[in-house]
Amino acid sequence: MYTTNAQEIFFSAINAVHPRSLMPQHVYIDKDVLHICGQKINLSSIDNLIVIAAGKAAPAMAREIEKQVRHLITKGICITKYGHALPLNKFNVFEAAHPVPDKNSILAGEIVLDTVQQLSANDIVLILLSGGASSLLTDIPQGCTLEDIQQLSVLLVNSGASIEQINIVRKHVSRIKGGQLAKAAYPAKVFTLTISDVPGDDPGSIASGPTVPDISTFEDAYHVLVKYNIWNQISESVIQYIRKGLHAEIEETPKPGSLFFKNTFSEIIGNNKLALEAAKMSASQSGYHVVILNYDLCGDTEQEARHFVQYLLDYDGNLPACIIMGGETTLKVTGNGKGGRNQHFALCALHELFKNGITKRNRSITILSAGTDGTDGPTDATGAIIDTAMIRPGIINFDELNNHLADFDAYSFFEKNGGLIITGPTQTNVMDMVIGLIN
C-alpha cells in the first residue's frame, strides 16, 4: 500500500512538469501576435521560424509547439535519446546516444549549426532545451575525433564531478555550447524555453548553455580535468585543443555583454522545485503531513542516503508523514555492476535500515528514489523503491546486499528482490526525487 502511495506522489510530480502542462502558457498566438518569453512579436515581421528541440523532453516540447504555432514553422529539428521519439509533423527527428554522444549526436549538431548560420535579423530561432541536450546535441572540435569526445564523456560522467563542472569542460570542446549557438545564429532573434535539470537552474549549466553567456574559461575546464584525474587519461588531440584555448589560440566562449546576446531571450518553464511542490500537494491530499527537506539535494549519493534514513528514523513530527527531497547527488562508480545513482541511493538506504534493525520506534518506512526522466544510469529503470518489510528476517540476505552495494550493482539486486521502478521515457527531466513515507 505505502509503496503505491509513494509512486502515486512521484507520478503526480512528473505530470506537473510534463511539457503538455508547461508549454501552452509560455508560447501562444493571440490576434496575430506571437507571445514568447514575455515578448510580443507581430507575425507579419517574421520571415522564418526555426525550432530546435534538444533533450529527453524534446519530442513532447516539439509536439506542444506544433499545437501552438505549427503553421509558422519553417524548419524543425528535434534531437532526443534513443527510444524517446514521438511522431511529429514539422520536425526532422534524430535519436542519439546519452550520456555518451554518438555519430547521430554529431550529425544533429552539424545540421543545427548549418541551419542557424544562414539566418537574418527578421528570423526567429526557438530553442527548446531539456536534460540530456549536452550529449545529444554535440559537435567535434577541430583536430579531434568522435572517439576522443566519447572517451572524454565517459571519463567525466564517471569521475564524481558535478554536472556544472562536467558542463564547463563540454563548453570548451564545442562550437555549440557555452553561448556559441547564439553566436552562430546572430543576428536572428533567439528564444530559449528550458526545462531545467540542474541544481539552482543556472541557464549556463542547462544543456551546457548554448544560448546564454558563459562565465567559465578554458582555464576552468583545465582545472576540472586535473582535479578529477582526467587530464592524463584523455586523448592527445583533446589536450592540444584545450592547450590552444589556454594560450588564446582558440577563441573563448562568448561572455556577458557580448553583442551576440543582444537579441536573445530565455525562460525556465519547469524545474525540480515545481515537481516537489506538486508532490507536496499530492501527498497532502492523501493525508500526509509533508516536509520538503531539501530543494537542492547534492553531495555524495551514499552519504545523502544514510542521512535521509536517519532523518526518517529520528523524525518526531506528525504522522503519517511524507518527507521529500529533490536535486541530484554525485556517484563515483568504482565497481563493475549495473545501476544508477537513484538505484544506488535506494540500496544504500536499505543497507542503513538493516543496520538499524527493523526500525527505531517500530515504524513503517518507505523510500523511493527516482529520476524524473525515466532513466537512471545505463539501465531501463528510473530508480527503485524500498520499505521496512524488506528487512524482515528471511526476506533479504544482508551479505548479498553488501556485495551488490560494493560492486555498484543495485539494478541486479532489485531485479532479483523487487523494487525497480520502470516507467519508460517520461518526456520530461527535472533531476531526481526522493520520497520517504513514515506510517
Protein backbone atom coordinates (compact mmCIF):
# COMPACT_ATOMS: atom_id res chain seq x y z
CA MET A 1 0.00 0.00 0.00
CA TYR A 2 2.65 2.51 1.06
CA THR A 3 4.86 1.76 -1.94
CA THR A 4 1.84 2.50 -4.13
CA ASN A 5 1.30 5.79 -2.30
CA ALA A 6 4.91 6.80 -2.88
CA GLN A 7 4.68 6.05 -6.58
CA GLU A 8 1.42 7.97 -6.95
CA ILE A 9 3.05 11.00 -5.35
CA PHE A 10 6.02 10.63 -7.71
CA PHE A 11 3.83 10.41 -10.82
CA SER A 12 1.85 13.50 -9.80
CA ALA A 13 5.14 15.39 -9.77
CA ILE A 14 6.05 14.06 -13.22
CA ASN A 15 2.73 15.22 -14.65
CA ALA A 16 3.25 18.73 -13.28
CA VAL A 17 6.50 19.17 -15.21
CA HIS A 18 5.45 17.45 -18.44
CA PRO A 19 5.58 19.76 -21.50
CA ARG A 20 1.81 19.47 -22.01
CA SER A 21 1.40 21.14 -18.59
CA LEU A 22 4.12 23.74 -19.17
CA MET A 23 4.26 24.84 -22.80
CA PRO A 24 0.82 26.37 -23.56
CA GLN A 25 1.29 29.21 -21.08
CA HIS A 26 4.71 30.17 -22.47
CA VAL A 27 4.18 30.08 -26.26
CA TYR A 28 0.93 31.09 -27.93
CA ILE A 29 -0.58 33.28 -30.63
CA ASP A 30 -3.20 35.91 -29.87
CA LYS A 31 -4.57 38.25 -32.56
CA ASP A 32 -1.67 37.80 -34.99
CA VAL A 33 0.88 38.33 -32.23
CA LEU A 34 3.33 35.65 -31.09
CA HIS A 35 3.81 35.64 -27.32
CA ILE A 36 7.07 34.02 -26.22
CA CYS A 37 9.47 34.56 -23.31
CA GLY A 38 7.45 37.59 -22.26
CA GLN A 39 7.95 39.19 -25.69
CA LYS A 40 5.31 40.10 -28.27
CA ILE A 41 6.14 39.74 -31.96
CA ASN A 42 3.86 40.62 -34.86
CA LEU A 43 3.56 37.62 -37.14
CA SER A 44 3.98 39.84 -40.18
CA SER A 45 7.53 40.72 -39.05
CA ILE A 46 8.74 37.10 -39.05
CA ASP A 47 10.46 35.78 -42.18
CA ASN A 48 11.39 32.34 -40.84
CA LEU A 49 10.74 30.44 -37.62
CA ILE A 50 13.32 27.75 -36.92
CA VAL A 51 12.58 25.46 -33.98
CA ILE A 52 15.33 23.35 -32.44
CA ALA A 53 14.37 20.93 -29.67
CA ALA A 54 17.09 19.01 -27.85
CA GLY A 55 16.95 16.73 -24.84
CA LYS A 56 14.94 13.93 -23.31
CA ALA A 57 11.79 16.09 -23.29
CA ALA A 58 12.41 17.42 -26.80
CA PRO A 59 9.72 15.38 -28.63
CA ALA A 60 6.98 16.38 -26.19
CA MET A 61 8.11 20.01 -26.23
CA ALA A 62 8.14 19.97 -30.03
CA ARG A 63 4.68 18.41 -30.13
CA GLU A 64 3.29 21.19 -27.94
CA ILE A 65 4.91 23.82 -30.18
CA GLU A 66 3.26 22.20 -33.20
CA LYS A 67 -0.09 22.59 -31.46
CA GLN A 68 0.53 26.30 -30.89
CA VAL A 69 2.42 27.58 -33.96
CA ARG A 70 2.59 24.72 -36.46
CA HIS A 71 1.73 26.89 -39.48
CA LEU A 72 4.61 29.28 -38.69
CA ILE A 73 7.41 26.70 -38.51
CA THR A 74 9.81 26.95 -41.44
CA LYS A 75 12.08 24.18 -40.22
CA GLY A 76 12.08 21.98 -37.15
CA ILE A 77 14.92 19.86 -35.77
CA CYS A 78 14.36 17.53 -32.82
CA ILE A 79 17.21 15.63 -31.14
CA THR A 80 16.42 13.16 -28.39
CA LYS A 81 17.59 9.95 -26.78
CA TYR A 82 17.05 6.58 -28.41
CA GLY A 83 13.56 5.32 -27.61
CA HIS A 84 12.19 8.77 -26.74
CA ALA A 85 10.95 9.91 -30.17
CA LEU A 86 7.31 10.81 -30.80
CA PRO A 87 5.51 11.31 -34.15
CA LEU A 88 5.94 14.92 -35.32
CA ASN A 89 4.82 16.72 -38.46
CA LYS A 90 7.14 19.71 -38.82
CA PHE A 91 10.36 18.30 -37.40
CA ASN A 92 13.24 16.19 -38.62
CA VAL A 93 13.78 13.85 -35.69
CA PHE A 94 17.18 12.50 -34.68
CA GLU A 95 17.67 9.88 -31.99
CA ALA A 96 21.12 9.80 -30.45
CA ALA A 97 23.04 8.34 -27.54
CA HIS A 98 23.09 9.55 -23.94
CA PRO A 99 25.13 10.20 -21.84
CA VAL A 100 27.93 9.42 -24.31
CA PRO A 101 27.38 11.04 -27.74
CA ASP A 102 27.45 9.05 -30.97
CA LYS A 103 27.52 9.80 -34.71
CA ASN A 104 23.87 10.92 -34.67
CA SER A 105 24.68 13.48 -31.98
CA ILE A 106 27.38 14.88 -34.24
CA LEU A 107 25.15 14.83 -37.32
CA ALA A 108 22.40 16.71 -35.49
CA GLY A 109 24.90 19.24 -34.18
CA GLU A 110 26.28 19.95 -37.64
CA ILE A 111 22.80 20.36 -39.14
CA VAL A 112 21.81 22.77 -36.38
CA LEU A 113 24.93 24.88 -36.92
CA ASP A 114 24.47 24.91 -40.70
CA THR A 115 20.82 25.94 -40.29
CA VAL A 116 21.25 28.87 -37.90
CA GLN A 117 24.30 30.32 -39.64
CA GLN A 118 22.13 31.20 -42.65
CA LEU A 119 19.62 33.38 -40.78
CA SER A 120 18.97 37.13 -40.78
CA ALA A 121 17.59 39.72 -38.36
CA ASN A 122 13.96 39.03 -39.34
CA ASP A 123 14.26 35.35 -38.49
CA ILE A 124 13.46 33.69 -35.18
CA VAL A 125 15.15 30.68 -33.64
CA LEU A 126 13.15 28.98 -30.91
CA ILE A 127 15.31 26.65 -28.81
CA LEU A 128 13.58 24.06 -26.63
CA LEU A 129 16.02 22.59 -24.13
CA SER A 130 15.78 19.80 -21.59
CA GLY A 131 18.06 17.43 -19.75
CA GLY A 132 20.36 15.35 -21.89
CA ALA A 133 20.89 18.01 -24.54
CA SER A 134 24.57 18.40 -23.67
CA SER A 135 25.40 14.98 -25.09
CA LEU A 136 22.56 14.69 -27.61
CA LEU A 137 23.49 17.92 -29.42
CA THR A 138 27.24 17.70 -29.95
CA ASP A 139 29.97 18.69 -32.35
CA ILE A 140 33.60 17.67 -32.73
CA PRO A 141 36.29 20.29 -32.06
CA GLN A 142 38.91 20.84 -34.74
CA GLY A 143 41.58 18.16 -34.78
CA CYS A 144 39.58 15.72 -32.65
CA THR A 145 37.51 12.63 -33.42
CA LEU A 146 34.20 11.24 -32.21
CA GLU A 147 36.16 8.62 -30.27
CA ASP A 148 38.07 11.39 -28.48
CA ILE A 149 34.83 13.06 -27.38
CA GLN A 150 33.27 9.74 -26.37
CA GLN A 151 36.28 8.89 -24.22
CA LEU A 152 36.15 12.31 -22.58
CA SER A 153 32.42 11.92 -21.91
CA VAL A 154 32.84 8.54 -20.22
CA LEU A 155 35.65 9.83 -18.02
CA LEU A 156 33.65 12.91 -17.00
CA VAL A 157 30.43 11.04 -16.21
CA ASN A 158 32.25 8.50 -14.02
CA SER A 159 34.62 10.97 -12.36
CA GLY A 160 32.47 12.21 -9.50
CA ALA A 161 32.46 15.75 -10.92
CA SER A 162 29.25 17.76 -10.57
CA ILE A 163 27.08 18.44 -13.61
CA GLU A 164 28.22 22.08 -13.52
CA GLN A 165 31.87 21.01 -13.66
CA ILE A 166 31.19 18.50 -16.43
CA ASN A 167 29.47 21.16 -18.49
CA ILE A 168 32.37 23.60 -18.07
CA VAL A 169 34.53 21.07 -19.89
CA ARG A 170 31.86 20.35 -22.50
CA LYS A 171 31.56 24.06 -23.33
CA HIS A 172 35.24 24.26 -24.17
CA VAL A 173 35.35 21.34 -26.58
CA SER A 174 32.40 22.58 -28.66
CA ARG A 175 31.21 25.20 -31.17
CA ILE A 176 27.61 24.95 -29.89
CA LYS A 177 27.75 25.02 -26.11
CA GLY A 178 28.58 27.95 -23.84
CA GLY A 179 26.65 30.59 -25.80
CA GLN A 180 28.14 29.59 -29.14
CA LEU A 181 24.80 28.58 -30.69
CA ALA A 182 23.52 32.13 -30.09
CA LYS A 183 26.73 33.43 -31.66
CA ALA A 184 26.20 31.24 -34.73
CA ALA A 185 22.57 32.39 -35.07
CA TYR A 186 23.29 36.12 -34.78
CA PRO A 187 21.65 38.45 -35.91
CA ALA A 188 18.47 36.33 -35.71
CA LYS A 189 16.36 36.63 -32.58
CA VAL A 190 16.88 33.62 -30.32
CA PHE A 191 14.28 32.50 -27.77
CA THR A 192 15.06 29.65 -25.39
CA LEU A 193 12.49 27.74 -23.33
CA THR A 194 14.07 25.36 -20.86
CA ILE A 195 13.03 22.55 -18.59
CA SER A 196 15.83 22.65 -16.04
CA ASP A 197 17.74 19.55 -14.98
CA VAL A 198 20.49 21.24 -12.95
CA PRO A 199 20.66 22.42 -9.32
CA GLY A 200 19.94 26.12 -8.97
CA ASP A 201 18.54 26.34 -12.52
CA ASP A 202 21.65 28.08 -13.83
CA PRO A 203 20.96 28.70 -17.55
CA GLY A 204 24.67 28.39 -18.21
CA SER A 205 24.68 24.81 -16.96
CA ILE A 206 21.44 23.56 -18.51
CA ALA A 207 22.35 21.76 -21.74
CA SER A 208 25.75 23.47 -21.35
CA GLY A 209 24.13 26.87 -22.00
CA PRO A 210 24.17 27.08 -25.82
CA THR A 211 22.30 30.41 -25.96
CA VAL A 212 23.45 32.25 -22.83
CA PRO A 213 26.73 33.99 -21.92
CA ASP A 214 29.42 31.76 -20.47
CA ILE A 215 31.46 32.93 -17.49
CA SER A 216 33.72 29.87 -17.45
CA THR A 217 37.04 29.67 -19.26
CA PHE A 218 39.46 27.19 -20.80
CA GLU A 219 41.42 27.51 -17.58
CA ASP A 220 38.37 26.43 -15.57
CA ALA A 221 37.92 23.43 -17.86
CA TYR A 222 41.57 22.50 -17.43
CA HIS A 223 41.29 22.67 -13.63
CA VAL A 224 38.25 20.36 -13.65
CA LEU A 225 40.13 17.81 -15.73
CA VAL A 226 43.14 17.96 -13.42
CA LYS A 227 41.11 17.88 -10.20
CA TYR A 228 39.33 14.67 -11.19
CA ASN A 229 42.45 13.00 -12.63
CA ILE A 230 41.13 13.07 -16.19
CA TRP A 231 43.76 15.25 -17.85
CA ASN A 232 46.30 12.44 -18.19
CA GLN A 233 43.69 9.97 -19.47
CA ILE A 234 42.20 11.92 -22.37
CA SER A 235 43.48 11.84 -25.94
CA GLU A 236 46.39 13.98 -27.07
CA SER A 237 44.07 15.70 -29.57
CA VAL A 238 41.77 16.98 -26.82
CA ILE A 239 44.75 18.02 -24.71
CA GLN A 240 46.17 20.02 -27.61
CA TYR A 241 42.80 21.66 -28.31
CA ILE A 242 42.43 22.81 -24.70
CA ARG A 243 46.06 23.97 -24.60
CA LYS A 244 45.37 26.14 -27.65
CA GLY A 245 42.46 27.64 -25.75
CA LEU A 246 44.66 28.26 -22.72
CA HIS A 247 47.09 30.15 -24.96
CA ALA A 248 44.30 32.15 -26.68
CA GLU A 249 44.89 30.38 -29.99
CA ILE A 250 41.21 29.35 -29.92
CA GLU A 251 38.59 31.99 -29.18
CA GLU A 252 36.92 31.83 -25.78
CA THR A 253 33.19 31.20 -25.41
CA PRO A 254 31.17 34.47 -25.65
CA LYS A 255 30.94 36.32 -22.34
CA PRO A 256 28.30 38.56 -20.69
CA GLY A 257 27.87 41.81 -22.58
CA SER A 258 28.70 40.25 -25.92
CA LEU A 259 26.89 41.59 -28.99
CA PHE A 260 25.74 38.06 -29.78
CA PHE A 261 23.23 38.15 -26.92
CA LYS A 262 21.59 41.42 -27.96
CA ASN A 263 18.58 39.59 -29.41
CA THR A 264 18.40 36.58 -27.09
CA PHE A 265 15.66 35.85 -24.57
CA SER A 266 15.31 32.86 -22.28
CA GLU A 267 12.90 31.46 -19.76
CA ILE A 268 12.91 28.43 -17.48
CA ILE A 269 9.45 26.90 -17.69
CA GLY A 270 9.88 23.83 -15.48
CA ASN A 271 12.22 22.69 -12.73
CA ASN A 272 12.66 20.39 -9.77
CA LYS A 273 11.05 22.83 -7.35
CA LEU A 274 7.84 22.79 -9.37
CA ALA A 275 7.84 18.99 -9.25
CA LEU A 276 8.45 18.97 -5.49
CA GLU A 277 5.57 21.37 -4.89
CA ALA A 278 3.28 19.13 -6.95
CA ALA A 279 4.42 16.12 -4.93
CA LYS A 280 3.72 18.03 -1.74
CA MET A 281 0.19 18.82 -2.87
CA SER A 282 -0.46 15.21 -3.86
CA ALA A 283 0.84 13.87 -0.55
CA SER A 284 -1.17 16.41 1.43
CA GLN A 285 -4.34 15.42 -0.41
CA SER A 286 -3.61 11.81 0.57
CA GLY A 287 -3.48 12.76 4.24
CA TYR A 288 0.26 13.06 4.79
CA HIS A 289 2.00 15.76 6.77
CA VAL A 290 4.61 16.95 4.29
CA VAL A 291 8.14 18.23 4.80
CA ILE A 292 10.24 19.29 1.82
CA LEU A 293 13.59 18.56 3.40
CA ASN A 294 15.84 19.76 0.61
CA TYR A 295 15.21 21.65 -2.63
CA ASP A 296 18.88 21.38 -3.65
CA LEU A 297 19.93 17.82 -2.96
CA CYS A 298 23.56 17.30 -3.90
CA GLY A 299 26.65 15.69 -2.46
CA ASP A 300 27.69 12.06 -2.29
CA THR A 301 24.92 9.55 -3.03
CA GLU A 302 25.78 7.14 -0.21
CA GLN A 303 26.19 9.86 2.40
CA GLU A 304 22.91 11.52 1.45
CA ALA A 305 21.09 8.16 1.60
CA ARG A 306 22.38 7.47 5.11
CA HIS A 307 21.42 10.95 6.29
CA PHE A 308 17.93 10.60 4.82
CA VAL A 309 17.29 7.29 6.58
CA GLN A 310 18.46 8.70 9.89
CA TYR A 311 16.16 11.69 9.44
CA LEU A 312 13.19 9.37 8.89
CA LEU A 313 14.12 7.25 11.90
CA ASP A 314 14.52 10.29 14.16
CA TYR A 315 11.51 12.22 12.84
CA ASP A 316 9.24 13.25 15.73
CA GLY A 317 6.59 15.27 13.88
CA ASN A 318 3.01 14.43 12.98
CA LEU A 319 2.24 11.07 11.35
CA PRO A 320 1.72 9.83 8.72
CA ALA A 321 4.49 11.91 7.21
CA CYS A 322 5.92 12.41 3.75
CA ILE A 323 9.48 13.71 3.54
CA ILE A 324 10.58 14.90 0.09
CA MET A 325 13.91 15.91 -1.42
CA GLY A 326 14.92 16.92 -4.92
CA GLY A 327 18.13 17.51 -6.79
CA GLU A 328 20.97 15.36 -7.98
CA THR A 329 23.58 13.52 -5.96
CA THR A 330 27.03 12.61 -7.21
CA LEU A 331 28.11 8.99 -7.54
CA LYS A 332 31.69 7.99 -8.21
CA VAL A 333 31.46 4.48 -9.61
CA THR A 334 34.26 2.08 -8.61
CA GLY A 335 32.51 -1.25 -9.13
CA ASN A 336 31.57 -3.16 -12.26
CA GLY A 337 27.87 -3.65 -11.59
CA LYS A 338 24.75 -2.25 -13.22
CA GLY A 339 22.72 0.61 -11.83
CA GLY A 340 22.39 4.36 -11.42
CA ARG A 341 22.57 6.91 -8.63
CA ASN A 342 18.89 6.53 -7.68
CA GLN A 343 19.03 2.75 -7.50
CA HIS A 344 22.26 3.06 -5.53
CA PHE A 345 20.61 5.60 -3.20
CA ALA A 346 17.78 3.15 -2.53
CA LEU A 347 20.19 0.27 -1.93
CA CYS A 348 22.26 2.39 0.48
CA ALA A 349 19.06 3.37 2.29
CA LEU A 350 18.07 -0.29 2.60
CA HIS A 351 21.52 -1.07 3.98
CA GLU A 352 21.11 1.69 6.56
CA LEU A 353 17.71 0.32 7.61
CA PHE A 354 19.27 -3.11 8.03
CA LYS A 355 21.94 -1.65 10.30
CA ASN A 356 19.27 -0.05 12.49
CA GLY A 357 17.19 -3.19 12.89
CA ILE A 358 13.53 -3.21 11.88
CA THR A 359 13.23 0.47 12.82
CA LYS A 360 13.52 2.75 15.75
CA ARG A 361 10.02 3.18 17.22
CA ASN A 362 8.79 0.23 15.12
CA ARG A 363 7.89 2.46 12.19
CA SER A 364 6.90 1.50 8.69
CA ILE A 365 9.18 3.38 6.30
CA THR A 366 9.04 3.54 2.51
CA ILE A 367 11.72 5.24 0.42
CA LEU A 368 11.52 5.97 -3.31
CA SER A 369 14.46 7.42 -5.22
CA ALA A 370 13.94 8.02 -8.93
CA GLY A 371 14.90 10.16 -11.88
CA THR A 372 12.13 12.23 -13.38
CA ASP A 373 13.23 11.38 -16.93
CA GLY A 374 12.54 7.66 -16.81
CA THR A 375 16.21 6.70 -16.86
CA ASP A 376 18.70 6.04 -14.08
CA GLY A 377 22.19 5.31 -15.30
CA PRO A 378 22.63 2.97 -18.28
CA THR A 379 19.52 0.95 -17.34
CA ASP A 380 15.84 0.72 -18.24
CA ALA A 381 14.84 1.64 -14.68
CA THR A 382 14.33 5.17 -13.42
CA GLY A 383 15.05 4.28 -9.80
CA ALA A 384 14.00 1.96 -7.02
CA ILE A 385 11.69 1.76 -4.02
CA ILE A 386 12.27 0.03 -0.69
CA ASP A 387 10.40 -0.40 2.56
CA THR A 388 10.92 -1.87 6.00
CA ALA A 389 9.11 -5.08 5.00
CA MET A 390 12.23 -5.97 3.01
CA ILE A 391 14.40 -6.20 6.13
CA ARG A 392 12.28 -8.71 7.97
CA PRO A 393 14.12 -11.96 8.76
CA GLY A 394 14.37 -14.32 5.79
CA ILE A 395 13.39 -11.78 3.14
CA ILE A 396 16.80 -10.49 2.01
CA ASN A 397 20.33 -11.73 2.69
CA PHE A 398 22.42 -8.95 4.25
CA ASP A 399 25.70 -10.29 2.84
CA GLU A 400 24.17 -10.33 -0.64
CA LEU A 401 23.07 -6.72 -0.18
CA ASN A 402 26.61 -5.76 0.88
CA ASN A 403 28.13 -7.43 -2.17
CA HIS A 404 25.78 -5.66 -4.58
CA LEU A 405 26.42 -2.35 -2.84
CA ALA A 406 30.20 -2.74 -3.05
CA ASP A 407 30.02 -3.62 -6.75
CA PHE A 408 27.59 -0.77 -7.56
CA ASP A 409 25.16 -3.43 -8.76
CA ALA A 410 21.86 -2.09 -7.44
CA TYR A 411 19.94 -2.96 -10.61
CA SER A 412 20.68 -6.69 -10.31
CA PHE A 413 19.76 -6.64 -6.62
CA PHE A 414 16.38 -5.01 -7.16
CA GLU A 415 15.73 -7.05 -10.29
CA LYS A 416 16.03 -10.18 -8.15
CA ASN A 417 14.37 -8.94 -4.97
CA GLY A 418 11.83 -6.47 -6.34
CA GLY A 419 11.79 -2.70 -6.14
CA LEU A 420 12.82 -1.46 -9.59
CA ILE A 421 10.75 1.44 -10.93
CA ILE A 422 10.39 1.18 -14.71
CA THR A 423 8.36 3.89 -16.40
CA GLY A 424 9.86 4.24 -19.85
CA PRO A 425 10.59 7.76 -21.13
CA THR A 426 8.56 10.34 -19.19
CA GLN A 427 9.18 13.14 -21.75
CA THR A 428 10.47 15.46 -19.05
CA ASN A 429 13.60 15.80 -16.94
CA VAL A 430 13.97 17.86 -13.76
CA MET A 431 16.65 15.83 -11.98
CA ASP A 432 15.80 13.34 -9.24
CA MET A 433 13.28 12.98 -6.43
CA VAL A 434 13.44 11.16 -3.12
CA ILE A 435 10.19 10.43 -1.30
CA GLY A 436 10.10 8.98 2.20
CA LEU A 437 6.85 7.87 3.83
CA ILE A 438 6.58 7.27 7.58
CA ASN A 439 3.50 5.40 8.77
